[in-house]
Amino acid sequence: MSDSINVRIDKWLWAARFFKTRSMAAQAVSGGKVHSNAKRVKAAKTVRIGDELTIKRGDYVYTVIVNELSGKRKGAAEAATLYTETLESIEAREAVSEQKRLLRTMNRNAGPPKRPTKRDRRLIIDFTRKV
């Protein structure tokens, strides 16, 4: 795409496949989850080639440099050419992913809560009826 076109930040985020719908992208921008060049922006802000965007999605933070402009949503391979993610961002996301994975394995080892057995229910009933 050429540099002469103007693309809103919410439309670019949708085209780059950071958000599933354009309204979700607009909500994220208005909610302060997207910053352009370290400044909070509005959904109508135009994106320029070379802008550094910081995008917070859940527990993950993406820091990307805009390479191309596009207002149309295309395939994932083409969408990935619209930006370059910084190395620090990739490392930080991998660290968060690893922490979440470790937390899941710790919780899995604890075991799921079990339903009370017949004996447990009798003990609970006896305990709650005593006044």
C-alpha atoms as a PDB file:
ATOM      1  CA  MET A   1       0.000   0.000   0.000  1.00  0.00           C
ATOM      2  CA  SER A   2       1.115   3.536  -0.536  1.00  0.00           C
ATOM      3  CA  ASP A   3       1.957   6.096   2.111  1.00  0.00           C
ATOM      4  CA  SER A   4      -0.618   8.574   0.768  1.00  0.00           C
ATOM      5  CA  ILE A   5      -3.696   6.727   2.093  1.00  0.00           C
ATOM      6  CA  ASN A   6      -5.137   7.582   5.490  1.00  0.00           C
ATOM      7  CA  VAL A   7      -6.144   4.685   7.726  1.00  0.00           C
ATOM      8  CA  ARG A   8      -7.770   5.020  11.132  1.00  0.00           C
ATOM      9  CA  ILE A   9      -5.981   3.191  13.941  1.00  0.00           C
ATOM     10  CA  ASP A  10      -9.002   1.024  14.759  1.00  0.00           C
ATOM     11  CA  LYS A  11      -9.345  -0.012  11.127  1.00  0.00           C
ATOM     12  CA  TRP A  12      -5.608  -0.787  10.867  1.00  0.00           C
ATOM     13  CA  LEU A  13      -5.694  -2.907  14.063  1.00  0.00           C
ATOM     14  CA  TRP A  14      -8.620  -4.854  12.609  1.00  0.00           C
ATOM     15  CA  ALA A  15      -6.872  -5.268   9.235  1.00  0.00           C
ATOM     16  CA  ALA A  16      -3.659  -6.397  10.987  1.00  0.00           C
ATOM     17  CA  ARG A  17      -5.754  -9.018  12.832  1.00  0.00           C
ATOM     18  CA  PHE A  18      -5.070  -7.849  16.366  1.00  0.00           C
ATOM     19  CA  PHE A  19      -8.834  -7.768  16.970  1.00  0.00           C
ATOM     20  CA  LYS A  20     -11.619  -9.889  15.523  1.00  0.00           C
ATOM     21  CA  THR A  21     -13.962  -6.990  14.774  1.00  0.00           C
ATOM     22  CA  ARG A  22     -13.469  -3.310  14.108  1.00  0.00           C
ATOM     23  CA  SER A  23     -15.757  -2.407  17.004  1.00  0.00           C
ATOM     24  CA  MET A  24     -13.565  -4.463  19.366  1.00  0.00           C
ATOM     25  CA  ALA A  25     -10.551  -2.542  18.062  1.00  0.00           C
ATOM     26  CA  ALA A  26     -12.340   0.774  18.597  1.00  0.00           C
ATOM     27  CA  GLN A  27     -13.289  -0.286  22.144  1.00  0.00           C
ATOM     28  CA  ALA A  28      -9.676  -1.179  22.923  1.00  0.00           C
ATOM     29  CA  VAL A  29      -8.439   2.160  21.598  1.00  0.00           C
ATOM     30  CA  SER A  30     -11.034   4.172  23.522  1.00  0.00           C
ATOM     31  CA  GLY A  31     -10.352   2.058  26.629  1.00  0.00           C
ATOM     32  CA  GLY A  32      -6.689   3.089  26.665  1.00  0.00           C
ATOM     33  CA  LYS A  33      -5.309  -0.298  25.630  1.00  0.00           C
ATOM     34  CA  VAL A  34      -3.617   1.072  22.508  1.00  0.00           C
ATOM     35  CA  HIS A  35      -0.874   3.713  22.483  1.00  0.00           C
ATOM     36  CA  SER A  36       0.809   5.266  19.474  1.00  0.00           C
ATOM     37  CA  ASN A  37       4.366   6.524  20.012  1.00  0.00           C
ATOM     38  CA  ALA A  38       3.857   6.221  23.806  1.00  0.00           C
ATOM     39  CA  LYS A  39       0.717   8.431  23.747  1.00  0.00           C
ATOM     40  CA  ARG A  40      -2.879   7.435  24.288  1.00  0.00           C
ATOM     41  CA  VAL A  41      -4.891   7.876  21.097  1.00  0.00           C
ATOM     42  CA  LYS A  42      -8.487   7.994  19.898  1.00  0.00           C
ATOM     43  CA  ALA A  43      -9.993   5.582  17.375  1.00  0.00           C
ATOM     44  CA  ALA A  44     -10.020   8.218  14.603  1.00  0.00           C
ATOM     45  CA  LYS A  45      -6.236   8.773  14.790  1.00  0.00           C
ATOM     46  CA  THR A  46      -4.543   8.057  11.483  1.00  0.00           C
ATOM     47  CA  VAL A  47      -1.698   5.577  11.446  1.00  0.00           C
ATOM     48  CA  ARG A  48       1.556   6.396   9.652  1.00  0.00           C
ATOM     49  CA  ILE A  49       4.336   4.113   8.493  1.00  0.00           C
ATOM     50  CA  GLY A  50       7.005   3.973  11.189  1.00  0.00           C
ATOM     51  CA  ASP A  51       4.618   4.544  14.132  1.00  0.00           C
ATOM     52  CA  GLU A  52       5.286   2.436  17.215  1.00  0.00           C
ATOM     53  CA  LEU A  53       2.086   0.960  18.600  1.00  0.00           C
ATOM     54  CA  THR A  54       1.687  -0.641  22.011  1.00  0.00           C
ATOM     55  CA  ILE A  55      -1.334  -2.955  22.117  1.00  0.00           C
ATOM     56  CA  LYS A  56      -2.588  -4.661  25.292  1.00  0.00           C
ATOM     57  CA  ARG A  57      -4.675  -7.785  24.739  1.00  0.00           C
ATOM     58  CA  GLY A  58      -5.480  -9.662  27.926  1.00  0.00           C
ATOM     59  CA  ASP A  59      -2.229 -10.557  29.688  1.00  0.00           C
ATOM     60  CA  TYR A  60      -0.121  -9.893  26.593  1.00  0.00           C
ATOM     61  CA  VAL A  61       1.424  -6.620  25.424  1.00  0.00           C
ATOM     62  CA  TYR A  62       2.488  -6.256  21.792  1.00  0.00           C
ATOM     63  CA  THR A  63       4.882  -3.511  20.695  1.00  0.00           C
ATOM     64  CA  VAL A  64       4.902  -3.218  16.914  1.00  0.00           C
ATOM     65  CA  ILE A  65       6.302  -0.904  14.243  1.00  0.00           C
ATOM     66  CA  VAL A  66       3.926  -0.120  11.359  1.00  0.00           C
ATOM     67  CA  ASN A  67       5.421  -1.216   8.006  1.00  0.00           C
ATOM     68  CA  GLU A  68       2.435  -0.831   5.691  1.00  0.00           C
ATOM     69  CA  LEU A  69      -1.026   0.697   5.739  1.00  0.00           C
ATOM     70  CA  SER A  70      -4.165  -1.218   4.899  1.00  0.00           C
ATOM     71  CA  GLY A  71      -7.822  -0.640   5.600  1.00  0.00           C
ATOM     72  CA  LYS A  72      -8.910  -4.024   4.300  1.00  0.00           C
ATOM     73  CA  ARG A  73      -8.747  -7.290   6.218  1.00  0.00           C
ATOM     74  CA  LYS A  74      -6.839  -9.974   4.340  1.00  0.00           C
ATOM     75  CA  GLY A  75      -5.288 -13.326   5.162  1.00  0.00           C
ATOM     76  CA  ALA A  76      -3.112 -13.820   8.227  1.00  0.00           C
ATOM     77  CA  ALA A  77       0.080 -14.092   6.158  1.00  0.00           C
ATOM     78  CA  GLU A  78      -0.605 -10.770   4.448  1.00  0.00           C
ATOM     79  CA  ALA A  79      -1.690  -9.137   7.716  1.00  0.00           C
ATOM     80  CA  ALA A  80       1.643 -10.087   9.318  1.00  0.00           C
ATOM     81  CA  THR A  81       3.456  -7.987   6.698  1.00  0.00           C
ATOM     82  CA  LEU A  82       1.724  -4.830   7.952  1.00  0.00           C
ATOM     83  CA  TYR A  83       3.901  -4.662  11.073  1.00  0.00           C
ATOM     84  CA  THR A  84       7.118  -5.826  12.716  1.00  0.00           C
ATOM     85  CA  GLU A  85       7.039  -6.839  16.364  1.00  0.00           C
ATOM     86  CA  THR A  86      10.007  -5.723  18.481  1.00  0.00           C
ATOM     87  CA  LEU A  87      12.309  -8.318  20.053  1.00  0.00           C
ATOM     88  CA  GLU A  88      11.575  -7.022  23.575  1.00  0.00           C
ATOM     89  CA  SER A  89       7.864  -7.504  22.947  1.00  0.00           C
ATOM     90  CA  ILE A  90       8.346 -11.068  21.728  1.00  0.00           C
ATOM     91  CA  GLU A  91      10.510 -11.962  24.742  1.00  0.00           C
ATOM     92  CA  ALA A  92       8.048 -10.388  27.189  1.00  0.00           C
ATOM     93  CA  ARG A  93       5.095 -12.262  25.649  1.00  0.00           C
ATOM     94  CA  GLU A  94       7.005 -15.551  25.791  1.00  0.00           C
ATOM     95  CA  ALA A  95       7.834 -14.921  29.460  1.00  0.00           C
ATOM     96  CA  VAL A  96       4.165 -14.272  30.284  1.00  0.00           C
ATOM     97  CA  SER A  97       3.167 -17.381  28.341  1.00  0.00           C
ATOM     98  CA  GLU A  98       5.708 -19.470  30.261  1.00  0.00           C
ATOM     99  CA  GLN A  99       4.441 -18.121  33.603  1.00  0.00           C
ATOM    100  CA  LYS A 100       0.864 -18.965  32.652  1.00  0.00           C
ATOM    101  CA  ARG A 101       1.927 -22.468  31.597  1.00  0.00           C
ATOM    102  CA  LEU A 102       3.715 -23.052  34.910  1.00  0.00           C
ATOM    103  CA  LEU A 103       0.722 -21.770  36.844  1.00  0.00           C
ATOM    104  CA  ARG A 104      -1.555 -24.173  34.954  1.00  0.00           C
ATOM    105  CA  THR A 105       0.691 -27.148  35.776  1.00  0.00           C
ATOM    106  CA  MET A 106       0.804 -26.152  39.449  1.00  0.00           C
ATOM    107  CA  ASN A 107      -2.983 -25.925  39.589  1.00  0.00           C
ATOM    108  CA  ARG A 108      -3.354 -29.213  37.741  1.00  0.00           C
ATOM    109  CA  ASN A 109      -1.212 -30.969  40.350  1.00  0.00           C
ATOM    110  CA  ALA A 110      -3.405 -29.629  43.152  1.00  0.00           C
ATOM    111  CA  GLY A 111      -6.328 -31.548  41.669  1.00  0.00           C
ATOM    112  CA  PRO A 112      -9.863 -30.448  41.030  1.00  0.00           C
ATOM    113  CA  PRO A 113     -12.199 -29.929  43.971  1.00  0.00           C
ATOM    114  CA  LYS A 114     -14.095 -33.129  44.650  1.00  0.00           C
ATOM    115  CA  ARG A 115     -17.713 -33.580  45.553  1.00  0.00           C
ATOM    116  CA  PRO A 116     -18.345 -34.662  49.126  1.00  0.00           C
ATOM    117  CA  THR A 117     -18.891 -38.365  49.701  1.00  0.00           C
ATOM    118  CA  LYS A 118     -21.923 -39.733  51.483  1.00  0.00           C
ATOM    119  CA  ARG A 119     -19.936 -39.806  54.714  1.00  0.00           C
ATOM    120  CA  ASP A 120     -18.788 -36.200  54.202  1.00  0.00           C
ATOM    121  CA  ARG A 121     -22.380 -35.073  53.600  1.00  0.00           C
ATOM    122  CA  ARG A 122     -23.503 -36.758  56.821  1.00  0.00           C
ATOM    123  CA  LEU A 123     -20.735 -35.017  58.756  1.00  0.00           C
ATOM    124  CA  ILE A 124     -21.691 -31.666  57.200  1.00  0.00           C
ATOM    125  CA  ILE A 125     -25.364 -32.184  58.056  1.00  0.00           C
ATOM    126  CA  ASP A 126     -24.517 -33.207  61.633  1.00  0.00           C
ATOM    127  CA  PHE A 127     -22.264 -30.177  62.018  1.00  0.00           C
ATOM    128  CA  THR A 128     -24.751 -27.649  60.638  1.00  0.00           C
ATOM    129  CA  ARG A 129     -27.715 -28.984  62.667  1.00  0.00           C
ATOM    130  CA  LYS A 130     -25.860 -28.656  65.959  1.00  0.00           C
ATOM    131  CA  VAL A 131     -26.669 -25.349  67.574  1.00  0.00           C
END
